[in-house]
Amino acid sequence: MPTARLSVVVTRRLPETVEKRMEELFDVRLRDDDTPMTREELAEAVRSADVLVPTLCDTIDAGLIAQAGDRLKLIANYGAGVDHIDVQTARQRGILVSNTPSVSAEDTADMTLALILGVTRRIPEGMAVMRSGEWEGFSPTALMGRRVGGRRLGILGLGRIGQAVARRAAAFGMQIHYHNRRRLRPEIEDELGATYWESLDQMVARMDVISINCPHTPSTFHLMNARRLKLLKPEAVIVNTSRGEVIDENAMTRMLRAGEIAGAGLDVYEHGAEVNPRLRELETVFLLPHMGSATLEGRVEMGEKVLVNIKTFDDGHRPPDQVVPAML
């Protein structure tokens, strides 16, 4: 008698090739449109499925996990970050959690460099002039930015993405500095030409560009708070392709409006899609809609990791990318 196929619920639209493979392997319920599930829809999903495949837009907290039925045994996250999932509560309920690490580092690093270049060379302002039809030709003093080569880049979080950023920035002639909870091995520092700062305050005060590349955890929430932001040089810029919650967005906005920070390049925001409207008004700010990992190749690879995690679980083994609280 054939074994019943695993019941899988996917909360958002995924690349077509990933969805087709899901349908081949599992009894999958796919999303008809690309809107987030409501809280009620998520509750129904955790009650009825063996596996839930959420994204960072879905809050899988203790209250939702408490509604899970006996069937739910795996939350196979589509994405590397799991700060939207209460991993500890899931573990207590006997529900495994997996993610998709090591996929988007290069793509996100590309976007980080794009933001650094965009802000320092005033690219969005130049695009706005061209779209308005107001450009009257070359002017020696128009839209002067700052040279990237020779500038000090301070990377907050020199993990996979941070190291990929460092390699790219070094190729542009930037000086690489970093702050981590733990200092990296000397051979990694030598390879990247990176200088370690034990004090984040001291690093922030001396950098021309700050790049946020650390995850959002309780210890990194508002790590760049109002006090620390005030340490930045007035000509410094800040770039964030990690998690919006790491920066006190209101404090940063006030300082940008006051000219106390020269500019910002942001791909993520403290309150998700609810972007501070005052940020949109600033010409010195380069805003993107969370595009850091948005390449076809990267999103397909993420889907393939989800498939491997679910199939390995279905075969009676632990998912290769299982997340445990100690990893967070």
C-alpha atoms as a PDB file:
ATOM      1  CA  MET A   1       0.000   0.000   0.000  1.00  0.00           C
ATOM      2  CA  PRO A   2       1.562   3.362  -1.006  1.00  0.00           C
ATOM      3  CA  THR A   3       2.718   5.660   1.776  1.00  0.00           C
ATOM      4  CA  ALA A   4       0.779   8.912   2.131  1.00  0.00           C
ATOM      5  CA  ARG A   5       2.728  11.894   0.854  1.00  0.00           C
ATOM      6  CA  LEU A   6       3.894  14.578   3.258  1.00  0.00           C
ATOM      7  CA  SER A   7       1.485  17.497   3.587  1.00  0.00           C
ATOM      8  CA  VAL A   8       3.308  20.793   2.912  1.00  0.00           C
ATOM      9  CA  VAL A   9       1.941  24.340   3.037  1.00  0.00           C
ATOM     10  CA  VAL A  10       3.916  27.157   1.340  1.00  0.00           C
ATOM     11  CA  THR A  11       3.045  30.675   2.509  1.00  0.00           C
ATOM     12  CA  ARG A  12       4.214  32.676  -0.550  1.00  0.00           C
ATOM     13  CA  ARG A  13       4.790  32.182  -4.266  1.00  0.00           C
ATOM     14  CA  LEU A  14       8.190  30.632  -5.031  1.00  0.00           C
ATOM     15  CA  PRO A  15      10.072  30.324  -8.347  1.00  0.00           C
ATOM     16  CA  GLU A  16       8.096  28.178 -10.776  1.00  0.00           C
ATOM     17  CA  THR A  17      10.718  25.423 -10.958  1.00  0.00           C
ATOM     18  CA  VAL A  18      10.678  25.094  -7.162  1.00  0.00           C
ATOM     19  CA  GLU A  19       6.883  24.925  -7.013  1.00  0.00           C
ATOM     20  CA  LYS A  20       6.756  22.245  -9.715  1.00  0.00           C
ATOM     21  CA  ARG A  21       9.273  20.112  -7.844  1.00  0.00           C
ATOM     22  CA  MET A  22       7.251  20.563  -4.648  1.00  0.00           C
ATOM     23  CA  GLU A  23       4.167  19.257  -6.449  1.00  0.00           C
ATOM     24  CA  GLU A  24       6.100  16.224  -7.698  1.00  0.00           C
ATOM     25  CA  LEU A  25       7.412  15.268  -4.267  1.00  0.00           C
ATOM     26  CA  PHE A  26       4.749  16.252  -1.756  1.00  0.00           C
ATOM     27  CA  ASP A  27       1.068  16.871  -1.183  1.00  0.00           C
ATOM     28  CA  VAL A  28       1.648  20.608  -1.352  1.00  0.00           C
ATOM     29  CA  ARG A  29      -0.673  23.572  -0.978  1.00  0.00           C
ATOM     30  CA  LEU A  30       0.746  26.508  -2.918  1.00  0.00           C
ATOM     31  CA  ARG A  31      -0.251  30.150  -2.758  1.00  0.00           C
ATOM     32  CA  ASP A  32      -2.473  31.406  -5.591  1.00  0.00           C
ATOM     33  CA  ASP A  33      -1.241  34.986  -5.290  1.00  0.00           C
ATOM     34  CA  ASP A  34       1.879  36.584  -3.852  1.00  0.00           C
ATOM     35  CA  THR A  35       0.312  38.199  -0.801  1.00  0.00           C
ATOM     36  CA  PRO A  36       1.272  37.270   2.770  1.00  0.00           C
ATOM     37  CA  MET A  37      -0.986  34.846   4.611  1.00  0.00           C
ATOM     38  CA  THR A  38      -3.205  36.309   7.292  1.00  0.00           C
ATOM     39  CA  ARG A  39      -2.775  35.208  10.896  1.00  0.00           C
ATOM     40  CA  GLU A  40      -5.875  33.033  10.520  1.00  0.00           C
ATOM     41  CA  GLU A  41      -4.514  31.374   7.375  1.00  0.00           C
ATOM     42  CA  LEU A  42      -1.200  30.665   9.110  1.00  0.00           C
ATOM     43  CA  ALA A  43      -3.071  29.164  12.071  1.00  0.00           C
ATOM     44  CA  GLU A  44      -5.012  26.872   9.736  1.00  0.00           C
ATOM     45  CA  ALA A  45      -1.758  25.886   8.019  1.00  0.00           C
ATOM     46  CA  VAL A  46       0.023  24.872  11.243  1.00  0.00           C
ATOM     47  CA  ARG A  47      -3.045  22.906  12.333  1.00  0.00           C
ATOM     48  CA  SER A  48      -3.350  20.906   9.115  1.00  0.00           C
ATOM     49  CA  ALA A  49       0.155  20.425   7.667  1.00  0.00           C
ATOM     50  CA  ASP A  50       3.141  18.180   8.350  1.00  0.00           C
ATOM     51  CA  VAL A  51       5.506  20.893   7.085  1.00  0.00           C
ATOM     52  CA  LEU A  52       5.176  24.670   6.917  1.00  0.00           C
ATOM     53  CA  VAL A  53       7.346  26.646   4.482  1.00  0.00           C
ATOM     54  CA  PRO A  54       7.268  30.294   5.655  1.00  0.00           C
ATOM     55  CA  THR A  55       9.256  33.356   4.635  1.00  0.00           C
ATOM     56  CA  LEU A  56      10.569  36.262   6.701  1.00  0.00           C
ATOM     57  CA  CYS A  57       7.205  38.030   6.241  1.00  0.00           C
ATOM     58  CA  ASP A  58       5.473  35.396   8.373  1.00  0.00           C
ATOM     59  CA  THR A  59       5.585  35.749  12.164  1.00  0.00           C
ATOM     60  CA  ILE A  60       5.754  32.246  13.586  1.00  0.00           C
ATOM     61  CA  ASP A  61       5.661  33.107  17.260  1.00  0.00           C
ATOM     62  CA  ALA A  62       4.798  31.145  20.406  1.00  0.00           C
ATOM     63  CA  GLY A  63       1.106  31.985  20.080  1.00  0.00           C
ATOM     64  CA  LEU A  64       0.916  30.589  16.567  1.00  0.00           C
ATOM     65  CA  ILE A  65       2.991  27.517  17.403  1.00  0.00           C
ATOM     66  CA  ALA A  66       0.618  26.821  20.321  1.00  0.00           C
ATOM     67  CA  GLN A  67      -2.143  26.359  17.730  1.00  0.00           C
ATOM     68  CA  ALA A  68      -0.177  23.751  15.784  1.00  0.00           C
ATOM     69  CA  GLY A  69      -1.702  20.327  15.459  1.00  0.00           C
ATOM     70  CA  ASP A  70       0.049  17.077  16.230  1.00  0.00           C
ATOM     71  CA  ARG A  71       0.936  16.721  12.540  1.00  0.00           C
ATOM     72  CA  LEU A  72       3.298  19.711  12.280  1.00  0.00           C
ATOM     73  CA  LYS A  73       6.838  18.414  12.650  1.00  0.00           C
ATOM     74  CA  LEU A  74       8.956  20.741  10.497  1.00  0.00           C
ATOM     75  CA  ILE A  75       9.100  24.458   9.764  1.00  0.00           C
ATOM     76  CA  ALA A  76      11.289  24.640   6.638  1.00  0.00           C
ATOM     77  CA  ASN A  77      12.020  28.334   6.361  1.00  0.00           C
ATOM     78  CA  TYR A  78      12.593  29.832   2.907  1.00  0.00           C
ATOM     79  CA  GLY A  79      15.470  32.125   3.866  1.00  0.00           C
ATOM     80  CA  ALA A  80      18.519  32.194   6.106  1.00  0.00           C
ATOM     81  CA  GLY A  81      17.235  34.479   8.870  1.00  0.00           C
ATOM     82  CA  VAL A  82      14.934  32.907  11.455  1.00  0.00           C
ATOM     83  CA  ASP A  83      14.307  35.846  13.790  1.00  0.00           C
ATOM     84  CA  HIS A  84      10.623  35.685  12.773  1.00  0.00           C
ATOM     85  CA  ILE A  85      10.348  32.130  14.139  1.00  0.00           C
ATOM     86  CA  ASP A  86      10.271  31.205  17.842  1.00  0.00           C
ATOM     87  CA  VAL A  87      12.770  28.380  17.445  1.00  0.00           C
ATOM     88  CA  GLN A  88      12.879  27.635  21.179  1.00  0.00           C
ATOM     89  CA  THR A  89       9.113  27.147  21.456  1.00  0.00           C
ATOM     90  CA  ALA A  90       9.078  25.033  18.299  1.00  0.00           C
ATOM     91  CA  ARG A  91      11.802  22.829  19.747  1.00  0.00           C
ATOM     92  CA  GLN A  92       9.838  22.401  22.971  1.00  0.00           C
ATOM     93  CA  ARG A  93       6.863  21.244  20.916  1.00  0.00           C
ATOM     94  CA  GLY A  94       9.016  18.726  19.045  1.00  0.00           C
ATOM     95  CA  ILE A  95       8.916  20.760  15.823  1.00  0.00           C
ATOM     96  CA  LEU A  96      12.169  21.021  13.879  1.00  0.00           C
ATOM     97  CA  VAL A  97      13.190  24.266  12.170  1.00  0.00           C
ATOM     98  CA  SER A  98      15.440  24.502   9.105  1.00  0.00           C
ATOM     99  CA  ASN A  99      16.677  27.408   6.998  1.00  0.00           C
ATOM    100  CA  THR A 100      18.626  28.116   3.807  1.00  0.00           C
ATOM    101  CA  PRO A 101      22.089  29.420   4.765  1.00  0.00           C
ATOM    102  CA  SER A 102      25.032  30.209   2.482  1.00  0.00           C
ATOM    103  CA  VAL A 103      22.876  30.953  -0.561  1.00  0.00           C
ATOM    104  CA  SER A 104      22.419  34.722  -0.752  1.00  0.00           C
ATOM    105  CA  ALA A 105      25.789  35.973   0.553  1.00  0.00           C
ATOM    106  CA  GLU A 106      27.232  36.916  -2.841  1.00  0.00           C
ATOM    107  CA  ASP A 107      23.987  38.444  -4.133  1.00  0.00           C
ATOM    108  CA  THR A 108      23.502  40.513  -0.979  1.00  0.00           C
ATOM    109  CA  ALA A 109      27.133  41.650  -1.093  1.00  0.00           C
ATOM    110  CA  ASP A 110      26.606  42.850  -4.664  1.00  0.00           C
ATOM    111  CA  MET A 111      23.640  44.914  -3.511  1.00  0.00           C
ATOM    112  CA  THR A 112      25.620  46.307  -0.581  1.00  0.00           C
ATOM    113  CA  LEU A 113      28.263  47.617  -2.972  1.00  0.00           C
ATOM    114  CA  ALA A 114      25.542  49.027  -5.207  1.00  0.00           C
ATOM    115  CA  LEU A 115      24.166  50.979  -2.248  1.00  0.00           C
ATOM    116  CA  ILE A 116      27.616  52.196  -1.199  1.00  0.00           C
ATOM    117  CA  LEU A 117      28.315  53.428  -4.712  1.00  0.00           C
ATOM    118  CA  GLY A 118      24.813  54.826  -5.124  1.00  0.00           C
ATOM    119  CA  VAL A 119      24.970  56.934  -1.971  1.00  0.00           C
ATOM    120  CA  THR A 120      28.565  58.123  -2.224  1.00  0.00           C
ATOM    121  CA  ARG A 121      28.295  58.971  -5.946  1.00  0.00           C
ATOM    122  CA  ARG A 122      24.723  60.351  -5.660  1.00  0.00           C
ATOM    123  CA  ILE A 123      23.366  58.015  -8.323  1.00  0.00           C
ATOM    124  CA  PRO A 124      19.665  58.231  -7.278  1.00  0.00           C
ATOM    125  CA  GLU A 125      19.850  62.033  -7.467  1.00  0.00           C
ATOM    126  CA  GLY A 126      21.331  61.814 -10.950  1.00  0.00           C
ATOM    127  CA  MET A 127      18.597  59.412 -12.052  1.00  0.00           C
ATOM    128  CA  ALA A 128      15.948  61.792 -10.708  1.00  0.00           C
ATOM    129  CA  VAL A 129      17.391  64.673 -12.749  1.00  0.00           C
ATOM    130  CA  MET A 130      17.370  62.579 -15.927  1.00  0.00           C
ATOM    131  CA  ARG A 131      13.812  61.341 -15.385  1.00  0.00           C
ATOM    132  CA  SER A 132      12.560  64.867 -14.758  1.00  0.00           C
ATOM    133  CA  GLY A 133      13.944  66.039 -18.081  1.00  0.00           C
ATOM    134  CA  GLU A 134      15.681  68.944 -16.342  1.00  0.00           C
ATOM    135  CA  TRP A 135      19.276  68.034 -17.237  1.00  0.00           C
ATOM    136  CA  GLU A 136      20.882  70.836 -19.225  1.00  0.00           C
ATOM    137  CA  GLY A 137      24.262  69.238 -19.818  1.00  0.00           C
ATOM    138  CA  PHE A 138      27.567  68.786 -18.041  1.00  0.00           C
ATOM    139  CA  SER A 139      28.487  71.098 -15.182  1.00  0.00           C
ATOM    140  CA  PRO A 140      31.820  70.895 -13.316  1.00  0.00           C
ATOM    141  CA  THR A 141      30.122  71.455  -9.957  1.00  0.00           C
ATOM    142  CA  ALA A 142      26.890  69.482 -10.361  1.00  0.00           C
ATOM    143  CA  LEU A 143      26.097  66.388  -8.282  1.00  0.00           C
ATOM    144  CA  MET A 144      29.598  65.992  -6.911  1.00  0.00           C
ATOM    145  CA  GLY A 145      29.864  62.867  -4.770  1.00  0.00           C
ATOM    146  CA  ARG A 146      32.781  61.386  -2.911  1.00  0.00           C
ATOM    147  CA  ARG A 147      35.544  59.078  -4.163  1.00  0.00           C
ATOM    148  CA  VAL A 148      35.121  55.484  -2.977  1.00  0.00           C
ATOM    149  CA  GLY A 149      38.780  54.455  -3.192  1.00  0.00           C
ATOM    150  CA  GLY A 150      40.735  55.103  -0.024  1.00  0.00           C
ATOM    151  CA  ARG A 151      37.671  55.465   2.183  1.00  0.00           C
ATOM    152  CA  ARG A 152      37.318  53.490   5.417  1.00  0.00           C
ATOM    153  CA  LEU A 153      34.579  50.863   5.395  1.00  0.00           C
ATOM    154  CA  GLY A 154      33.445  49.599   8.794  1.00  0.00           C
ATOM    155  CA  ILE A 155      31.584  46.279   8.529  1.00  0.00           C
ATOM    156  CA  LEU A 156      29.333  45.383  11.435  1.00  0.00           C
ATOM    157  CA  GLY A 157      29.245  41.590  11.240  1.00  0.00           C
ATOM    158  CA  LEU A 158      32.020  39.969   9.208  1.00  0.00           C
ATOM    159  CA  GLY A 159      30.276  36.679   8.520  1.00  0.00           C
ATOM    160  CA  ARG A 160      29.639  35.181   5.084  1.00  0.00           C
ATOM    161  CA  ILE A 161      27.949  38.290   3.707  1.00  0.00           C
ATOM    162  CA  GLY A 162      30.304  40.696   5.475  1.00  0.00           C
ATOM    163  CA  GLN A 163      33.339  38.892   4.068  1.00  0.00           C
ATOM    164  CA  ALA A 164      31.846  38.952   0.568  1.00  0.00           C
ATOM    165  CA  VAL A 165      31.313  42.708   0.993  1.00  0.00           C
ATOM    166  CA  ALA A 166      34.909  43.117   2.178  1.00  0.00           C
ATOM    167  CA  ARG A 167      36.319  41.377  -0.908  1.00  0.00           C
ATOM    168  CA  ARG A 168      34.303  43.571  -3.242  1.00  0.00           C
ATOM    169  CA  ALA A 169      35.052  46.785  -1.366  1.00  0.00           C
ATOM    170  CA  ALA A 170      38.782  46.021  -1.310  1.00  0.00           C
ATOM    171  CA  ALA A 171      38.700  45.713  -5.092  1.00  0.00           C
ATOM    172  CA  PHE A 172      37.387  49.299  -5.166  1.00  0.00           C
ATOM    173  CA  GLY A 173      40.310  50.415  -3.033  1.00  0.00           C
ATOM    174  CA  MET A 174      38.426  50.759   0.244  1.00  0.00           C
ATOM    175  CA  GLN A 175      40.113  50.127   3.605  1.00  0.00           C
ATOM    176  CA  ILE A 176      38.403  47.256   5.433  1.00  0.00           C
ATOM    177  CA  HIS A 177      37.577  47.426   9.144  1.00  0.00           C
ATOM    178  CA  TYR A 178      35.171  45.292  11.135  1.00  0.00           C
ATOM    179  CA  HIS A 179      33.536  44.589  14.472  1.00  0.00           C
ATOM    180  CA  ASN A 180      32.312  41.143  15.536  1.00  0.00           C
ATOM    181  CA  ARG A 181      31.340  39.522  18.792  1.00  0.00           C
ATOM    182  CA  ARG A 182      34.418  37.360  18.253  1.00  0.00           C
ATOM    183  CA  ARG A 183      37.553  38.257  16.367  1.00  0.00           C
ATOM    184  CA  LEU A 184      38.220  36.217  13.237  1.00  0.00           C
ATOM    185  CA  ARG A 185      41.268  34.026  12.738  1.00  0.00           C
ATOM    186  CA  PRO A 186      44.436  35.878  11.654  1.00  0.00           C
ATOM    187  CA  GLU A 187      44.529  34.125   8.288  1.00  0.00           C
ATOM    188  CA  ILE A 188      41.024  35.404   7.438  1.00  0.00           C
ATOM    189  CA  GLU A 189      41.964  38.939   8.494  1.00  0.00           C
ATOM    190  CA  ASP A 190      45.101  38.730   6.360  1.00  0.00           C
ATOM    191  CA  GLU A 191      43.180  37.435   3.348  1.00  0.00           C
ATOM    192  CA  LEU A 192      40.659  40.272   3.574  1.00  0.00           C
ATOM    193  CA  GLY A 193      43.126  42.930   4.710  1.00  0.00           C
ATOM    194  CA  ALA A 194      40.705  43.604   7.563  1.00  0.00           C
ATOM    195  CA  THR A 195      41.396  45.501  10.776  1.00  0.00           C
ATOM    196  CA  TYR A 196      39.498  44.356  13.866  1.00  0.00           C
ATOM    197  CA  TRP A 197      37.946  46.813  16.328  1.00  0.00           C
ATOM    198  CA  GLU A 198      37.016  45.426  19.728  1.00  0.00           C
ATOM    199  CA  SER A 199      35.103  48.630  20.475  1.00  0.00           C
ATOM    200  CA  LEU A 200      32.194  49.276  18.138  1.00  0.00           C
ATOM    201  CA  ASP A 201      32.016  52.875  19.358  1.00  0.00           C
ATOM    202  CA  GLN A 202      35.615  53.536  18.385  1.00  0.00           C
ATOM    203  CA  MET A 203      35.156  51.950  14.949  1.00  0.00           C
ATOM    204  CA  VAL A 204      31.952  53.850  14.192  1.00  0.00           C
ATOM    205  CA  ALA A 205      33.553  57.181  15.057  1.00  0.00           C
ATOM    206  CA  ARG A 206      36.380  56.693  12.543  1.00  0.00           C
ATOM    207  CA  MET A 207      34.666  55.215   9.487  1.00  0.00           C
ATOM    208  CA  ASP A 208      33.542  56.861   6.255  1.00  0.00           C
ATOM    209  CA  VAL A 209      31.026  54.114   5.480  1.00  0.00           C
ATOM    210  CA  ILE A 210      29.273  51.740   7.894  1.00  0.00           C
ATOM    211  CA  SER A 211      27.809  48.529   6.446  1.00  0.00           C
ATOM    212  CA  ILE A 212      25.339  46.570   8.597  1.00  0.00           C
ATOM    213  CA  ASN A 213      25.754  42.858   7.938  1.00  0.00           C
ATOM    214  CA  CYS A 214      24.805  41.229  11.237  1.00  0.00           C
ATOM    215  CA  PRO A 215      21.591  39.310  12.022  1.00  0.00           C
ATOM    216  CA  HIS A 216      18.759  40.643  14.134  1.00  0.00           C
ATOM    217  CA  THR A 217      18.894  39.119  17.607  1.00  0.00           C
ATOM    218  CA  PRO A 218      17.958  40.516  21.031  1.00  0.00           C
ATOM    219  CA  SER A 219      21.567  41.639  21.432  1.00  0.00           C
ATOM    220  CA  THR A 220      21.677  43.475  18.070  1.00  0.00           C
ATOM    221  CA  PHE A 221      18.299  45.235  18.318  1.00  0.00           C
ATOM    222  CA  HIS A 222      19.042  48.968  17.915  1.00  0.00           C
ATOM    223  CA  LEU A 223      22.745  48.214  18.112  1.00  0.00           C
ATOM    224  CA  MET A 224      23.072  51.394  16.066  1.00  0.00           C
ATOM    225  CA  ASN A 225      21.049  53.492  18.501  1.00  0.00           C
ATOM    226  CA  ALA A 226      20.842  57.279  18.750  1.00  0.00           C
ATOM    227  CA  ARG A 227      23.932  57.537  20.954  1.00  0.00           C
ATOM    228  CA  ARG A 228      26.042  55.429  18.617  1.00  0.00           C
ATOM    229  CA  LEU A 229      24.753  57.095  15.461  1.00  0.00           C
ATOM    230  CA  LYS A 230      25.885  60.432  16.887  1.00  0.00           C
ATOM    231  CA  LEU A 231      29.441  59.074  16.882  1.00  0.00           C
ATOM    232  CA  LEU A 232      29.438  58.992  13.075  1.00  0.00           C
ATOM    233  CA  LYS A 233      31.335  61.687  11.236  1.00  0.00           C
ATOM    234  CA  PRO A 234      29.010  64.188   9.506  1.00  0.00           C
ATOM    235  CA  GLU A 235      30.393  63.094   6.121  1.00  0.00           C
ATOM    236  CA  ALA A 236      29.848  59.369   6.843  1.00  0.00           C
ATOM    237  CA  VAL A 237      27.151  57.203   5.257  1.00  0.00           C
ATOM    238  CA  ILE A 238      25.417  54.097   6.574  1.00  0.00           C
ATOM    239  CA  VAL A 239      24.278  51.110   4.498  1.00  0.00           C
ATOM    240  CA  ASN A 240      22.009  48.286   5.650  1.00  0.00           C
ATOM    241  CA  THR A 241      21.246  45.071   3.750  1.00  0.00           C
ATOM    242  CA  SER A 242      20.803  42.907   6.851  1.00  0.00           C
ATOM    243  CA  ARG A 243      17.877  43.623   9.189  1.00  0.00           C
ATOM    244  CA  GLY A 244      16.185  46.956   9.752  1.00  0.00           C
ATOM    245  CA  GLU A 245      15.834  46.409  13.485  1.00  0.00           C
ATOM    246  CA  VAL A 246      19.599  46.774  13.977  1.00  0.00           C
ATOM    247  CA  ILE A 247      19.273  50.556  13.422  1.00  0.00           C
ATOM    248  CA  ASP A 248      17.084  52.942  15.369  1.00  0.00           C
ATOM    249  CA  GLU A 249      15.328  54.153  12.232  1.00  0.00           C
ATOM    250  CA  ASN A 250      13.700  57.212  13.804  1.00  0.00           C
ATOM    251  CA  ALA A 251      17.008  58.423  15.258  1.00  0.00           C
ATOM    252  CA  MET A 252      18.774  57.856  11.925  1.00  0.00           C
ATOM    253  CA  THR A 253      16.041  59.731  10.058  1.00  0.00           C
ATOM    254  CA  ARG A 254      16.307  62.725  12.390  1.00  0.00           C
ATOM    255  CA  MET A 255      20.070  62.863  11.914  1.00  0.00           C
ATOM    256  CA  LEU A 256      19.821  62.550   8.136  1.00  0.00           C
ATOM    257  CA  ARG A 257      17.288  65.371   8.022  1.00  0.00           C
ATOM    258  CA  ALA A 258      19.562  67.505  10.187  1.00  0.00           C
ATOM    259  CA  GLY A 259      22.599  66.790   7.999  1.00  0.00           C
ATOM    260  CA  GLU A 260      24.386  65.029  10.864  1.00  0.00           C
ATOM    261  CA  ILE A 261      24.853  61.949   8.624  1.00  0.00           C
ATOM    262  CA  ALA A 262      25.737  62.495   4.963  1.00  0.00           C
ATOM    263  CA  GLY A 263      23.567  59.721   3.551  1.00  0.00           C
ATOM    264  CA  ALA A 264      22.134  56.221   3.824  1.00  0.00           C
ATOM    265  CA  GLY A 265      21.560  53.246   1.538  1.00  0.00           C
ATOM    266  CA  LEU A 266      18.808  50.983   2.848  1.00  0.00           C
ATOM    267  CA  ASP A 267      17.363  47.703   1.607  1.00  0.00           C
ATOM    268  CA  VAL A 268      15.673  46.778   4.908  1.00  0.00           C
ATOM    269  CA  TYR A 269      13.593  48.720   7.400  1.00  0.00           C
ATOM    270  CA  GLU A 270      12.804  48.517  11.078  1.00  0.00           C
ATOM    271  CA  HIS A 271       9.074  48.016  10.544  1.00  0.00           C
ATOM    272  CA  GLY A 272       9.158  45.939   7.378  1.00  0.00           C
ATOM    273  CA  ALA A 273       7.169  47.458   4.523  1.00  0.00           C
ATOM    274  CA  GLU A 274       6.089  50.385   6.736  1.00  0.00           C
ATOM    275  CA  VAL A 275       8.943  52.673   5.742  1.00  0.00           C
ATOM    276  CA  ASN A 276       9.288  55.945   7.608  1.00  0.00           C
ATOM    277  CA  PRO A 277       7.738  58.442   5.127  1.00  0.00           C
ATOM    278  CA  ARG A 278      10.314  61.077   6.094  1.00  0.00           C
ATOM    279  CA  LEU A 279      13.046  58.834   4.666  1.00  0.00           C
ATOM    280  CA  ARG A 280      11.396  58.966   1.237  1.00  0.00           C
ATOM    281  CA  GLU A 281      11.660  62.746   1.214  1.00  0.00           C
ATOM    282  CA  LEU A 282      15.452  62.805   1.547  1.00  0.00           C
ATOM    283  CA  GLU A 283      17.606  63.094  -1.566  1.00  0.00           C
ATOM    284  CA  THR A 284      20.599  61.741   0.357  1.00  0.00           C
ATOM    285  CA  VAL A 285      18.885  58.398   0.993  1.00  0.00           C
ATOM    286  CA  PHE A 286      18.937  55.480  -1.479  1.00  0.00           C
ATOM    287  CA  LEU A 287      15.958  53.198  -0.745  1.00  0.00           C
ATOM    288  CA  LEU A 288      15.392  49.725  -2.182  1.00  0.00           C
ATOM    289  CA  PRO A 289      12.506  47.257  -1.554  1.00  0.00           C
ATOM    290  CA  HIS A 290      14.431  44.397   0.109  1.00  0.00           C
ATOM    291  CA  MET A 291      16.172  43.298  -3.097  1.00  0.00           C
ATOM    292  CA  GLY A 292      19.435  42.052  -1.591  1.00  0.00           C
ATOM    293  CA  SER A 293      18.884  38.375  -2.408  1.00  0.00           C
ATOM    294  CA  ALA A 294      16.604  38.977  -5.391  1.00  0.00           C
ATOM    295  CA  THR A 295      18.343  37.064  -8.159  1.00  0.00           C
ATOM    296  CA  LEU A 296      16.678  34.211 -10.000  1.00  0.00           C
ATOM    297  CA  GLU A 297      19.668  31.963  -9.314  1.00  0.00           C
ATOM    298  CA  GLY A 298      19.667  32.738  -5.602  1.00  0.00           C
ATOM    299  CA  ARG A 299      15.943  32.294  -5.102  1.00  0.00           C
ATOM    300  CA  VAL A 300      15.987  28.954  -6.940  1.00  0.00           C
ATOM    301  CA  GLU A 301      18.931  27.782  -4.810  1.00  0.00           C
ATOM    302  CA  MET A 302      17.001  28.751  -1.682  1.00  0.00           C
ATOM    303  CA  GLY A 303      14.070  26.671  -2.906  1.00  0.00           C
ATOM    304  CA  GLU A 304      16.333  23.716  -3.610  1.00  0.00           C
ATOM    305  CA  LYS A 305      17.649  23.880  -0.047  1.00  0.00           C
ATOM    306  CA  VAL A 306      14.081  23.870   1.267  1.00  0.00           C
ATOM    307  CA  LEU A 307      13.339  20.810  -0.872  1.00  0.00           C
ATOM    308  CA  VAL A 308      16.412  18.979   0.411  1.00  0.00           C
ATOM    309  CA  ASN A 309      15.540  19.801   4.012  1.00  0.00           C
ATOM    310  CA  ILE A 310      11.971  18.523   3.619  1.00  0.00           C
ATOM    311  CA  LYS A 311      12.944  15.412   1.628  1.00  0.00           C
ATOM    312  CA  THR A 312      15.666  14.498   4.129  1.00  0.00           C
ATOM    313  CA  PHE A 313      13.141  14.868   6.950  1.00  0.00           C
ATOM    314  CA  ASP A 314      10.618  12.780   4.996  1.00  0.00           C
ATOM    315  CA  ASP A 315      13.252  10.050   4.667  1.00  0.00           C
ATOM    316  CA  GLY A 316      13.575   9.862   8.435  1.00  0.00           C
ATOM    317  CA  HIS A 317      16.697  11.984   8.938  1.00  0.00           C
ATOM    318  CA  ARG A 318      17.402  15.391  10.424  1.00  0.00           C
ATOM    319  CA  PRO A 319      17.350  18.212   7.857  1.00  0.00           C
ATOM    320  CA  PRO A 320      20.906  19.220   6.888  1.00  0.00           C
ATOM    321  CA  ASP A 321      20.144  22.879   7.651  1.00  0.00           C
ATOM    322  CA  GLN A 322      18.393  22.344  10.979  1.00  0.00           C
ATOM    323  CA  VAL A 323      18.447  25.392  13.252  1.00  0.00           C
ATOM    324  CA  VAL A 324      18.887  24.964  16.995  1.00  0.00           C
ATOM    325  CA  PRO A 325      18.659  27.747  19.604  1.00  0.00           C
ATOM    326  CA  ALA A 326      22.386  27.551  20.352  1.00  0.00           C
ATOM    327  CA  MET A 327      23.061  28.645  16.749  1.00  0.00           C
ATOM    328  CA  LEU A 328      21.125  31.901  17.133  1.00  0.00           C
END
